[in-house]
Amino acid sequence: MNIRKNFEAIFIAAAALGLVASYATAAARTVEVAQPVSVTVIDPTVHVVVVKAPRLSVAEKAGLK
């Protein structure tokens, strides 16, 4: 029950902490991300198999067993 009474204070404290952290990091230098050195080469000789077939009926499935 105690946390229920103090929940508003906990929420306001968390919101204030988030606001302070937001202002503190807003003036920080932006992070520079280095480009990856390795380049991925896609092999054009990779074969793609596409299967197009109708679904088997229940009788056809039973006949396979």
PDB file of N, CA and C in Angstrom:
ATOM      1  N   MET A   1       0.816  -1.195   0.000  1.00  0.00           N
ATOM      2  CA  MET A   1       0.000   0.000   0.000  1.00  0.00           C
ATOM      3  C   MET A   1       0.859   1.259   0.000  1.00  0.00           C
ATOM      4  N   ASN A   2       2.035   1.164   0.603  1.00  0.00           N
ATOM      5  CA  ASN A   2       2.889   2.331   0.703  1.00  0.00           C
ATOM      6  C   ASN A   2       3.344   2.809  -0.675  1.00  0.00           C
ATOM      7  N   ILE A   3       3.658   1.853  -1.562  1.00  0.00           N
ATOM      8  CA  ILE A   3       4.121   2.257  -2.889  1.00  0.00           C
ATOM      9  C   ILE A   3       2.988   2.911  -3.671  1.00  0.00           C
ATOM     10  N   ARG A   4       1.757   2.484  -3.417  1.00  0.00           N
ATOM     11  CA  ARG A   4       0.621   3.089  -4.099  1.00  0.00           C
ATOM     12  C   ARG A   4       0.464   4.551  -3.703  1.00  0.00           C
ATOM     13  N   LYS A   5       0.720   4.860  -2.447  1.00  0.00           N
ATOM     14  CA  LYS A   5       0.616   6.241  -1.977  1.00  0.00           C
ATOM     15  C   LYS A   5       1.722   7.104  -2.570  1.00  0.00           C
ATOM     16  N   ASN A   6       2.910   6.527  -2.733  1.00  0.00           N
ATOM     17  CA  ASN A   6       4.061   7.297  -3.191  1.00  0.00           C
ATOM     18  C   ASN A   6       4.321   7.142  -4.686  1.00  0.00           C
ATOM     19  N   PHE A   7       3.406   6.510  -5.404  1.00  0.00           N
ATOM     20  CA  PHE A   7       3.641   6.267  -6.817  1.00  0.00           C
ATOM     21  C   PHE A   7       3.767   7.561  -7.607  1.00  0.00           C
ATOM     22  N   GLU A   8       2.988   8.566  -7.272  1.00  0.00           N
ATOM     23  CA  GLU A   8       3.068   9.850  -7.973  1.00  0.00           C
ATOM     24  C   GLU A   8       4.442  10.477  -7.776  1.00  0.00           C
ATOM     25  N   ALA A   9       4.973  10.413  -6.575  1.00  0.00           N
ATOM     26  CA  ALA A   9       6.297  10.971  -6.302  1.00  0.00           C
ATOM     27  C   ALA A   9       7.371  10.191  -7.044  1.00  0.00           C
ATOM     28  N   ILE A  10       7.223   8.879  -7.109  1.00  0.00           N
ATOM     29  CA  ILE A  10       8.193   8.055  -7.845  1.00  0.00           C
ATOM     30  C   ILE A  10       8.149   8.401  -9.324  1.00  0.00           C
ATOM     31  N   PHE A  11       6.947   8.581  -9.874  1.00  0.00           N
ATOM     32  CA  PHE A  11       6.805   8.929 -11.281  1.00  0.00           C
ATOM     33  C   PHE A  11       7.418  10.291 -11.581  1.00  0.00           C
ATOM     34  N   ILE A  12       7.154  11.271 -10.754  1.00  0.00           N
ATOM     35  CA  ILE A  12       7.702  12.619 -10.961  1.00  0.00           C
ATOM     36  C   ILE A  12       9.220  12.597 -10.847  1.00  0.00           C
ATOM     37  N   ALA A  13       9.759  11.836  -9.903  1.00  0.00           N
ATOM     38  CA  ALA A  13      11.212  11.736  -9.762  1.00  0.00           C
ATOM     39  C   ALA A  13      11.828  11.079 -10.991  1.00  0.00           C
ATOM     40  N   ALA A  14      11.191  10.041 -11.518  1.00  0.00           N
ATOM     41  CA  ALA A  14      11.704   9.371 -12.715  1.00  0.00           C
ATOM     42  C   ALA A  14      11.625  10.291 -13.928  1.00  0.00           C
ATOM     43  N   ALA A  15      10.537  11.046 -14.053  1.00  0.00           N
ATOM     44  CA  ALA A  15      10.400  11.982 -15.166  1.00  0.00           C
ATOM     45  C   ALA A  15      11.433  13.095 -15.068  1.00  0.00           C
ATOM     46  N   ALA A  16      11.676  13.593 -13.862  1.00  0.00           N
ATOM     47  CA  ALA A  16      12.682  14.642 -13.678  1.00  0.00           C
ATOM     48  C   ALA A  16      14.073  14.116 -13.995  1.00  0.00           C
ATOM     49  N   LEU A  17      14.361  12.891 -13.589  1.00  0.00           N
ATOM     50  CA  LEU A  17      15.659  12.296 -13.892  1.00  0.00           C
ATOM     51  C   LEU A  17      15.842  12.129 -15.398  1.00  0.00           C
ATOM     52  N   GLY A  18      14.794  11.721 -16.087  1.00  0.00           N
ATOM     53  CA  GLY A  18      14.855  11.600 -17.538  1.00  0.00           C
ATOM     54  C   GLY A  18      15.047  12.940 -18.212  1.00  0.00           C
ATOM     55  N   LEU A  19      14.394  13.975 -17.700  1.00  0.00           N
ATOM     56  CA  LEU A  19      14.541  15.317 -18.256  1.00  0.00           C
ATOM     57  C   LEU A  19      15.957  15.838 -18.071  1.00  0.00           C
ATOM     58  N   VAL A  20      16.512  15.642 -16.882  1.00  0.00           N
ATOM     59  CA  VAL A  20      17.883  16.083 -16.615  1.00  0.00           C
ATOM     60  C   VAL A  20      18.862  15.328 -17.503  1.00  0.00           C
ATOM     61  N   ALA A  21      18.665  14.033 -17.662  1.00  0.00           N
ATOM     62  CA  ALA A  21      19.549  13.241 -18.522  1.00  0.00           C
ATOM     63  C   ALA A  21      19.437  13.687 -19.972  1.00  0.00           C
ATOM     64  N   SER A  22      18.240  14.063 -20.390  1.00  0.00           N
ATOM     65  CA  SER A  22      18.039  14.534 -21.756  1.00  0.00           C
ATOM     66  C   SER A  22      18.794  15.836 -22.001  1.00  0.00           C
ATOM     67  N   TYR A  23      18.695  16.772 -21.070  1.00  0.00           N
ATOM     68  CA  TYR A  23      19.417  18.029 -21.218  1.00  0.00           C
ATOM     69  C   TYR A  23      20.925  17.823 -21.120  1.00  0.00           C
ATOM     70  N   ALA A  24      21.367  16.898 -20.288  1.00  0.00           N
ATOM     71  CA  ALA A  24      22.800  16.668 -20.117  1.00  0.00           C
ATOM     72  C   ALA A  24      23.421  16.066 -21.369  1.00  0.00           C
ATOM     73  N   THR A  25      22.686  15.216 -22.058  1.00  0.00           N
ATOM     74  CA  THR A  25      23.242  14.576 -23.246  1.00  0.00           C
ATOM     75  C   THR A  25      22.946  15.347 -24.521  1.00  0.00           C
ATOM     76  N   ALA A  26      22.111  16.368 -24.473  1.00  0.00           N
ATOM     77  CA  ALA A  26      21.773  17.122 -25.676  1.00  0.00           C
ATOM     78  C   ALA A  26      22.962  17.923 -26.178  1.00  0.00           C
ATOM     79  N   ALA A  27      23.785  18.420 -25.277  1.00  0.00           N
ATOM     80  CA  ALA A  27      24.929  19.228 -25.682  1.00  0.00           C
ATOM     81  C   ALA A  27      26.164  18.375 -25.948  1.00  0.00           C
ATOM     82  N   ALA A  28      26.075  17.091 -25.749  1.00  0.00           N
ATOM     83  CA  ALA A  28      27.221  16.208 -25.966  1.00  0.00           C
ATOM     84  C   ALA A  28      27.515  16.097 -27.458  1.00  0.00           C
ATOM     85  N   ARG A  29      28.777  15.796 -27.765  1.00  0.00           N
ATOM     86  CA  ARG A  29      29.185  15.628 -29.154  1.00  0.00           C
ATOM     87  C   ARG A  29      28.496  14.418 -29.760  1.00  0.00           C
ATOM     88  N   THR A  30      28.166  14.510 -31.018  1.00  0.00           N
ATOM     89  CA  THR A  30      27.533  13.377 -31.677  1.00  0.00           C
ATOM     90  C   THR A  30      28.554  12.267 -31.884  1.00  0.00           C
ATOM     91  N   VAL A  31      28.085  11.069 -31.888  1.00  0.00           N
ATOM     92  CA  VAL A  31      28.951   9.910 -32.073  1.00  0.00           C
ATOM     93  C   VAL A  31      29.206   9.728 -33.556  1.00  0.00           C
ATOM     94  N   GLU A  32      30.468   9.573 -33.921  1.00  0.00           N
ATOM     95  CA  GLU A  32      30.823   9.343 -35.311  1.00  0.00           C
ATOM     96  C   GLU A  32      30.965   7.849 -35.526  1.00  0.00           C
ATOM     97  N   VAL A  33      30.203   7.329 -36.466  1.00  0.00           N
ATOM     98  CA  VAL A  33      30.230   5.901 -36.741  1.00  0.00           C
ATOM     99  C   VAL A  33      31.106   5.668 -37.956  1.00  0.00           C
ATOM    100  N   ALA A  34      32.113   4.810 -37.801  1.00  0.00           N
ATOM    101  CA  ALA A  34      33.006   4.497 -38.911  1.00  0.00           C
ATOM    102  C   ALA A  34      32.308   3.549 -39.879  1.00  0.00           C
ATOM    103  N   GLN A  35      32.563   3.746 -41.144  1.00  0.00           N
ATOM    104  CA  GLN A  35      32.001   2.862 -42.151  1.00  0.00           C
ATOM    105  C   GLN A  35      32.718   1.517 -42.108  1.00  0.00           C
ATOM    106  N   PRO A  36      32.012   0.434 -42.339  1.00  0.00           N
ATOM    107  CA  PRO A  36      32.671  -0.872 -42.334  1.00  0.00           C
ATOM    108  C   PRO A  36      33.659  -0.991 -43.489  1.00  0.00           C
ATOM    109  N   VAL A  37      34.791  -1.605 -43.210  1.00  0.00           N
ATOM    110  CA  VAL A  37      35.846  -1.726 -44.207  1.00  0.00           C
ATOM    111  C   VAL A  37      35.532  -2.842 -45.188  1.00  0.00           C
ATOM    112  N   SER A  38      35.016  -3.945 -44.703  1.00  0.00           N
ATOM    113  CA  SER A  38      34.756  -5.082 -45.577  1.00  0.00           C
ATOM    114  C   SER A  38      33.477  -4.855 -46.375  1.00  0.00           C
ATOM    115  N   VAL A  39      33.508  -5.305 -47.602  1.00  0.00           N
ATOM    116  CA  VAL A  39      32.359  -5.174 -48.483  1.00  0.00           C
ATOM    117  C   VAL A  39      31.843  -6.579 -48.783  1.00  0.00           C
ATOM    118  N   THR A  40      30.571  -6.769 -48.645  1.00  0.00           N
ATOM    119  CA  THR A  40      29.982  -8.075 -48.926  1.00  0.00           C
ATOM    120  C   THR A  40      29.668  -8.164 -50.408  1.00  0.00           C
ATOM    121  N   VAL A  41      30.200  -9.203 -51.030  1.00  0.00           N
ATOM    122  CA  VAL A  41      29.968  -9.409 -52.458  1.00  0.00           C
ATOM    123  C   VAL A  41      28.876 -10.459 -52.605  1.00  0.00           C
ATOM    124  N   ILE A  42      27.874 -10.132 -53.371  1.00  0.00           N
ATOM    125  CA  ILE A  42      26.776 -11.066 -53.606  1.00  0.00           C
ATOM    126  C   ILE A  42      27.117 -11.896 -54.832  1.00  0.00           C
ATOM    127  N   ASP A  43      27.089 -13.206 -54.658  1.00  0.00           N
ATOM    128  CA  ASP A  43      27.427 -14.120 -55.744  1.00  0.00           C
ATOM    129  C   ASP A  43      26.236 -14.235 -56.693  1.00  0.00           C
ATOM    130  N   PRO A  44      26.390 -13.789 -57.945  1.00  0.00           N
ATOM    131  CA  PRO A  44      25.253 -13.842 -58.871  1.00  0.00           C
ATOM    132  C   PRO A  44      24.949 -15.252 -59.364  1.00  0.00           C
ATOM    133  N   THR A  45      25.821 -16.233 -59.067  1.00  0.00           N
ATOM    134  CA  THR A  45      25.588 -17.589 -59.554  1.00  0.00           C
ATOM    135  C   THR A  45      24.786 -18.441 -58.574  1.00  0.00           C
ATOM    136  N   VAL A  46      24.298 -17.849 -57.492  1.00  0.00           N
ATOM    137  CA  VAL A  46      23.494 -18.601 -56.538  1.00  0.00           C
ATOM    138  C   VAL A  46      22.139 -18.901 -57.178  1.00  0.00           C
ATOM    139  N   HIS A  47      21.764 -20.175 -57.154  1.00  0.00           N
ATOM    140  CA  HIS A  47      20.526 -20.590 -57.795  1.00  0.00           C
ATOM    141  C   HIS A  47      19.365 -20.499 -56.818  1.00  0.00           C
ATOM    142  N   VAL A  48      18.230 -20.095 -57.334  1.00  0.00           N
ATOM    143  CA  VAL A  48      17.016 -19.989 -56.534  1.00  0.00           C
ATOM    144  C   VAL A  48      16.024 -21.014 -57.058  1.00  0.00           C
ATOM    145  N   VAL A  49      15.486 -21.817 -56.160  1.00  0.00           N
ATOM    146  CA  VAL A  49      14.520 -22.839 -56.546  1.00  0.00           C
ATOM    147  C   VAL A  49      13.145 -22.395 -56.077  1.00  0.00           C
ATOM    148  N   VAL A  50      12.203 -22.350 -57.002  1.00  0.00           N
ATOM    149  CA  VAL A  50      10.826 -21.981 -56.688  1.00  0.00           C
ATOM    150  C   VAL A  50       9.954 -23.198 -56.965  1.00  0.00           C
ATOM    151  N   VAL A  51       9.218 -23.648 -55.963  1.00  0.00           N
ATOM    152  CA  VAL A  51       8.363 -24.824 -56.110  1.00  0.00           C
ATOM    153  C   VAL A  51       6.919 -24.350 -56.169  1.00  0.00           C
ATOM    154  N   LYS A  52       6.254 -24.705 -57.263  1.00  0.00           N
ATOM    155  CA  LYS A  52       4.846 -24.361 -57.427  1.00  0.00           C
ATOM    156  C   LYS A  52       4.085 -25.660 -57.640  1.00  0.00           C
ATOM    157  N   ALA A  53       3.239 -26.007 -56.695  1.00  0.00           N
ATOM    158  CA  ALA A  53       2.453 -27.233 -56.797  1.00  0.00           C
ATOM    159  C   ALA A  53       1.172 -27.056 -55.997  1.00  0.00           C
ATOM    160  N   PRO A  54       0.113 -27.728 -56.429  1.00  0.00           N
ATOM    161  CA  PRO A  54      -1.130 -27.639 -55.661  1.00  0.00           C
ATOM    162  C   PRO A  54      -1.015 -28.457 -54.374  1.00  0.00           C
ATOM    163  N   ARG A  55      -1.803 -28.097 -53.395  1.00  0.00           N
ATOM    164  CA  ARG A  55      -1.815 -28.843 -52.130  1.00  0.00           C
ATOM    165  C   ARG A  55      -2.477 -30.202 -52.352  1.00  0.00           C
ATOM    166  N   LEU A  56      -1.980 -31.184 -51.594  1.00  0.00           N
ATOM    167  CA  LEU A  56      -2.564 -32.513 -51.676  1.00  0.00           C
ATOM    168  C   LEU A  56      -3.864 -32.562 -50.883  1.00  0.00           C
ATOM    169  N   SER A  57      -4.802 -33.315 -51.416  1.00  0.00           N
ATOM    170  CA  SER A  57      -6.049 -33.510 -50.677  1.00  0.00           C
ATOM    171  C   SER A  57      -5.809 -34.537 -49.582  1.00  0.00           C
ATOM    172  N   VAL A  58      -6.785 -34.725 -48.719  1.00  0.00           N
ATOM    173  CA  VAL A  58      -6.657 -35.683 -47.618  1.00  0.00           C
ATOM    174  C   VAL A  58      -6.481 -37.092 -48.169  1.00  0.00           C
ATOM    175  N   ALA A  59      -7.206 -37.419 -49.244  1.00  0.00           N
ATOM    176  CA  ALA A  59      -7.108 -38.756 -49.839  1.00  0.00           C
ATOM    177  C   ALA A  59      -5.722 -38.974 -50.440  1.00  0.00           C
ATOM    178  N   GLU A  60      -5.176 -37.962 -51.080  1.00  0.00           N
ATOM    179  CA  GLU A  60      -3.840 -38.086 -51.666  1.00  0.00           C
ATOM    180  C   GLU A  60      -2.775 -38.222 -50.588  1.00  0.00           C
ATOM    181  N   LYS A  61      -2.948 -37.493 -49.485  1.00  0.00           N
ATOM    182  CA  LYS A  61      -2.005 -37.613 -48.371  1.00  0.00           C
ATOM    183  C   LYS A  61      -2.057 -39.012 -47.774  1.00  0.00           C
ATOM    184  N   ALA A  62      -3.261 -39.564 -47.641  1.00  0.00           N
ATOM    185  CA  ALA A  62      -3.404 -40.911 -47.084  1.00  0.00           C
ATOM    186  C   ALA A  62      -2.802 -41.948 -48.020  1.00  0.00           C
ATOM    187  N   GLY A  63      -2.856 -41.713 -49.321  1.00  0.00           N
ATOM    188  CA  GLY A  63      -2.296 -42.647 -50.294  1.00  0.00           C
ATOM    189  C   GLY A  63      -0.781 -42.663 -50.294  1.00  0.00           C
ATOM    190  N   LEU A  64      -0.143 -41.617 -49.758  1.00  0.00           N
ATOM    191  CA  LEU A  64       1.320 -41.567 -49.716  1.00  0.00           C
ATOM    192  C   LEU A  64       1.895 -42.462 -48.629  1.00  0.00           C
ATOM    193  N   LYS A  65       1.102 -42.769 -47.610  1.00  0.00           N
ATOM    194  CA  LYS A  65       1.624 -43.549 -46.479  1.00  0.00           C
ATOM    195  C   LYS A  65       1.598 -45.006 -46.719  1.00  0.00           C
TER     196      LYS A  65
END
